[in-house]
PDB file of N, CA and C in Angstrom:
ATOM      1  N   UNK A   1       0.834  -1.196   0.000  1.00  0.00           N
ATOM      2  CA  UNK A   1       0.000   0.000   0.000  1.00  0.00           C
ATOM      3  C   UNK A   1       0.875   1.256   0.000  1.00  0.00           C
ATOM      4  N   UNK A   2       1.865   1.294   0.866  1.00  0.00           N
ATOM      5  CA  UNK A   2       2.749   2.455   0.924  1.00  0.00           C
ATOM      6  C   UNK A   2       3.511   2.618  -0.390  1.00  0.00           C
ATOM      7  N   UNK A   3       3.946   1.500  -0.947  1.00  0.00           N
ATOM      8  CA  UNK A   3       4.702   1.552  -2.201  1.00  0.00           C
ATOM      9  C   UNK A   3       3.849   2.162  -3.316  1.00  0.00           C
ATOM     10  N   UNK A   4       2.593   1.739  -3.386  1.00  0.00           N
ATOM     11  CA  UNK A   4       1.693   2.256  -4.423  1.00  0.00           C
ATOM     12  C   UNK A   4       1.466   3.753  -4.213  1.00  0.00           C
ATOM     13  N   UNK A   5       1.314   4.157  -2.951  1.00  0.00           N
ATOM     14  CA  UNK A   5       1.100   5.568  -2.649  1.00  0.00           C
ATOM     15  C   UNK A   5       2.313   6.396  -3.065  1.00  0.00           C
ATOM     16  N   UNK A   6       3.501   5.898  -2.741  1.00  0.00           N
ATOM     17  CA  UNK A   6       4.738   6.590  -3.114  1.00  0.00           C
ATOM     18  C   UNK A   6       4.858   6.652  -4.635  1.00  0.00           C
ATOM     19  N   UNK A   7       4.498   5.573  -5.307  1.00  0.00           N
ATOM     20  CA  UNK A   7       4.559   5.535  -6.767  1.00  0.00           C
ATOM     21  C   UNK A   7       3.636   6.597  -7.365  1.00  0.00           C
ATOM     22  N   UNK A   8       2.421   6.678  -6.843  1.00  0.00           N
ATOM     23  CA  UNK A   8       1.450   7.656  -7.343  1.00  0.00           C
ATOM     24  C   UNK A   8       1.965   9.076  -7.113  1.00  0.00           C
ATOM     25  N   UNK A   9       2.512   9.324  -5.924  1.00  0.00           N
ATOM     26  CA  UNK A   9       3.023  10.661  -5.603  1.00  0.00           C
ATOM     27  C   UNK A   9       4.178  11.020  -6.528  1.00  0.00           C
ATOM     28  N   UNK A  10       5.090  10.083  -6.755  1.00  0.00           N
ATOM     29  CA  UNK A  10       6.248  10.362  -7.611  1.00  0.00           C
ATOM     30  C   UNK A  10       5.802  10.592  -9.056  1.00  0.00           C
ATOM     31  N   UNK A  11       4.839   9.833  -9.526  1.00  0.00           N
ATOM     32  CA  UNK A  11       4.352   9.992 -10.900  1.00  0.00           C
ATOM     33  C   UNK A  11       3.687  11.357 -11.065  1.00  0.00           C
ATOM     34  N   UNK A  12       2.842  11.736 -10.103  1.00  0.00           N
ATOM     35  CA  UNK A  12       2.180  13.040 -10.206  1.00  0.00           C
ATOM     36  C   UNK A  12       3.206  14.156 -10.091  1.00  0.00           C
ATOM     37  N   UNK A  13       4.219  13.965  -9.242  1.00  0.00           N
ATOM     38  CA  UNK A  13       5.282  14.963  -9.098  1.00  0.00           C
ATOM     39  C   UNK A  13       6.022  15.130 -10.421  1.00  0.00           C
ATOM     40  N   UNK A  14       6.391  14.039 -11.055  1.00  0.00           N
ATOM     41  CA  UNK A  14       7.070  14.099 -12.349  1.00  0.00           C
ATOM     42  C   UNK A  14       6.163  14.732 -13.404  1.00  0.00           C
ATOM     43  N   UNK A  15       4.865  14.423 -13.334  1.00  0.00           N
ATOM     44  CA  UNK A  15       3.913  15.003 -14.283  1.00  0.00           C
ATOM     45  C   UNK A  15       3.898  16.526 -14.159  1.00  0.00           C
ATOM     46  N   UNK A  16       3.879  17.011 -12.924  1.00  0.00           N
ATOM     47  CA  UNK A  16       3.873  18.461 -12.718  1.00  0.00           C
ATOM     48  C   UNK A  16       5.167  19.089 -13.212  1.00  0.00           C
ATOM     49  N   UNK A  17       6.292  18.413 -12.990  1.00  0.00           N
ATOM     50  CA  UNK A  17       7.580  18.917 -13.473  1.00  0.00           C
ATOM     51  C   UNK A  17       7.551  19.017 -14.999  1.00  0.00           C
ATOM     52  N   UNK A  18       7.044  17.988 -15.662  1.00  0.00           N
ATOM     53  CA  UNK A  18       6.972  17.984 -17.126  1.00  0.00           C
ATOM     54  C   UNK A  18       6.051  19.099 -17.612  1.00  0.00           C
ATOM     55  N   UNK A  19       4.920  19.292 -16.924  1.00  0.00           N
ATOM     56  CA  UNK A  19       3.993  20.352 -17.311  1.00  0.00           C
ATOM     57  C   UNK A  19       4.648  21.717 -17.173  1.00  0.00           C
ATOM     58  N   UNK A  20       5.358  21.937 -16.082  1.00  0.00           N
ATOM     59  CA  UNK A  20       6.048  23.213 -15.888  1.00  0.00           C
ATOM     60  C   UNK A  20       7.118  23.399 -16.954  1.00  0.00           C
ATOM     61  N   UNK A  21       7.827  22.314 -17.281  1.00  0.00           N
ATOM     62  CA  UNK A  21       8.863  22.377 -18.318  1.00  0.00           C
ATOM     63  C   UNK A  21       8.244  22.757 -19.661  1.00  0.00           C
ATOM     64  N   UNK A  22       7.092  22.166 -19.967  1.00  0.00           N
ATOM     65  CA  UNK A  22       6.420  22.482 -21.226  1.00  0.00           C
ATOM     66  C   UNK A  22       6.004  23.951 -21.259  1.00  0.00           C
ATOM     67  N   UNK A  23       5.542  24.467 -20.105  1.00  0.00           N
ATOM     68  CA  UNK A  23       5.170  25.874 -20.043  1.00  0.00           C
ATOM     69  C   UNK A  23       6.382  26.759 -20.295  1.00  0.00           C
ATOM     70  N   UNK A  24       7.521  26.392 -19.703  1.00  0.00           N
ATOM     71  CA  UNK A  24       8.747  27.177 -19.880  1.00  0.00           C
ATOM     72  C   UNK A  24       9.185  27.148 -21.340  1.00  0.00           C
ATOM     73  N   UNK A  25       9.134  25.965 -21.953  1.00  0.00           N
ATOM     74  CA  UNK A  25       9.519  25.840 -23.367  1.00  0.00           C
ATOM     75  C   UNK A  25       8.580  26.675 -24.241  1.00  0.00           C
ATOM     76  N   UNK A  26       7.288  26.622 -23.935  1.00  0.00           N
ATOM     77  CA  UNK A  26       6.301  27.396 -24.696  1.00  0.00           C
ATOM     78  C   UNK A  26       6.582  28.891 -24.581  1.00  0.00           C
ATOM     79  N   UNK A  27       6.832  29.356 -23.346  1.00  0.00           N
ATOM     80  CA  UNK A  27       7.119  30.776 -23.143  1.00  0.00           C
ATOM     81  C   UNK A  27       8.400  31.177 -23.855  1.00  0.00           C
ATOM     82  N   UNK A  28       9.404  30.300 -23.805  1.00  0.00           N
ATOM     83  CA  UNK A  28      10.674  30.595 -24.468  1.00  0.00           C
ATOM     84  C   UNK A  28      10.478  30.689 -25.984  1.00  0.00           C
ATOM     85  N   UNK A  29       9.681  29.781 -26.527  1.00  0.00           N
ATOM     86  CA  UNK A  29       9.419  29.823 -27.969  1.00  0.00           C
ATOM     87  C   UNK A  29       8.678  31.102 -28.349  1.00  0.00           C
ATOM     88  N   UNK A  30       7.689  31.485 -27.544  1.00  0.00           N
ATOM     89  CA  UNK A  30       6.956  32.722 -27.810  1.00  0.00           C
ATOM     90  C   UNK A  30       7.909  33.915 -27.750  1.00  0.00           C
ATOM     91  N   UNK A  31       8.817  33.895 -26.760  1.00  0.00           N
ATOM     92  CA  UNK A  31       9.797  34.976 -26.610  1.00  0.00           C
ATOM     93  C   UNK A  31      10.695  35.048 -27.836  1.00  0.00           C
ATOM     94  N   UNK A  32      11.191  33.897 -28.276  1.00  0.00           N
ATOM     95  CA  UNK A  32      12.095  33.854 -29.424  1.00  0.00           C
ATOM     96  C   UNK A  32      11.374  34.308 -30.690  1.00  0.00           C
ATOM     97  N   UNK A  33      10.145  33.838 -30.878  1.00  0.00           N
ATOM     98  CA  UNK A  33       9.394  34.190 -32.088  1.00  0.00           C
ATOM     99  C   UNK A  33       9.128  35.694 -32.126  1.00  0.00           C
ATOM    100  N   UNK A  34       8.843  36.284 -30.959  1.00  0.00           N
ATOM    101  CA  UNK A  34       8.511  37.710 -30.933  1.00  0.00           C
ATOM    102  C   UNK A  34       9.752  38.580 -31.091  1.00  0.00           C
ATOM    103  N   UNK A  35      10.928  38.072 -30.651  1.00  0.00           N
ATOM    104  CA  UNK A  35      12.142  38.885 -30.705  1.00  0.00           C
ATOM    105  C   UNK A  35      13.040  38.540 -31.889  1.00  0.00           C
ATOM    106  N   UNK A  36      12.758  37.448 -32.584  1.00  0.00           N
ATOM    107  CA  UNK A  36      13.623  37.027 -33.684  1.00  0.00           C
ATOM    108  C   UNK A  36      13.728  38.093 -34.780  1.00  0.00           C
ATOM    109  N   UNK A  37      12.638  38.703 -35.227  1.00  0.00           N
ATOM    110  CA  UNK A  37      12.762  39.736 -36.270  1.00  0.00           C
ATOM    111  C   UNK A  37      13.668  40.883 -35.844  1.00  0.00           C
ATOM    112  N   UNK A  38      13.578  41.313 -34.590  1.00  0.00           N
ATOM    113  CA  UNK A  38      14.431  42.406 -34.103  1.00  0.00           C
ATOM    114  C   UNK A  38      15.893  41.977 -34.126  1.00  0.00           C
ATOM    115  N   UNK A  39      16.156  40.742 -33.712  1.00  0.00           N
ATOM    116  CA  UNK A  39      17.537  40.241 -33.699  1.00  0.00           C
ATOM    117  C   UNK A  39      18.074  40.179 -35.131  1.00  0.00           C
ATOM    118  N   UNK A  40      17.254  39.694 -36.068  1.00  0.00           N
ATOM    119  CA  UNK A  40      17.697  39.554 -37.461  1.00  0.00           C
ATOM    120  C   UNK A  40      17.969  40.932 -38.059  1.00  0.00           C
ATOM    121  N   UNK A  41      17.091  41.899 -37.814  1.00  0.00           N
ATOM    122  CA  UNK A  41      17.286  43.235 -38.378  1.00  0.00           C
ATOM    123  C   UNK A  41      18.516  43.891 -37.764  1.00  0.00           C
ATOM    124  N   UNK A  42      18.771  43.636 -36.494  1.00  0.00           N
ATOM    125  CA  UNK A  42      19.967  44.188 -35.847  1.00  0.00           C
ATOM    126  C   UNK A  42      21.223  43.572 -36.455  1.00  0.00           C
ATOM    127  N   UNK A  43      21.172  42.281 -36.746  1.00  0.00           N
ATOM    128  CA  UNK A  43      22.334  41.616 -37.341  1.00  0.00           C
ATOM    129  C   UNK A  43      22.570  42.122 -38.763  1.00  0.00           C
ATOM    130  N   UNK A  44      21.505  42.355 -39.516  1.00  0.00           N
ATOM    131  CA  UNK A  44      21.651  42.853 -40.881  1.00  0.00           C
ATOM    132  C   UNK A  44      22.229  44.267 -40.884  1.00  0.00           C
ATOM    133  N   UNK A  45      21.799  45.079 -39.937  1.00  0.00           N
ATOM    134  CA  UNK A  45      22.279  46.463 -39.851  1.00  0.00           C
ATOM    135  C   UNK A  45      23.702  46.458 -39.281  1.00  0.00           C
TER     136      UNK A  45
END
């Protein structure tokens, strides 16, 4: 019983970590997409 409980807790914990990671990746992609044109124009100039 304890083992199953620990397993469930660890799985949900890992799930939350993955969800947070996905949010960070999403925000980073949005940041890059919004700033990429400015970076490219600065490099061209």
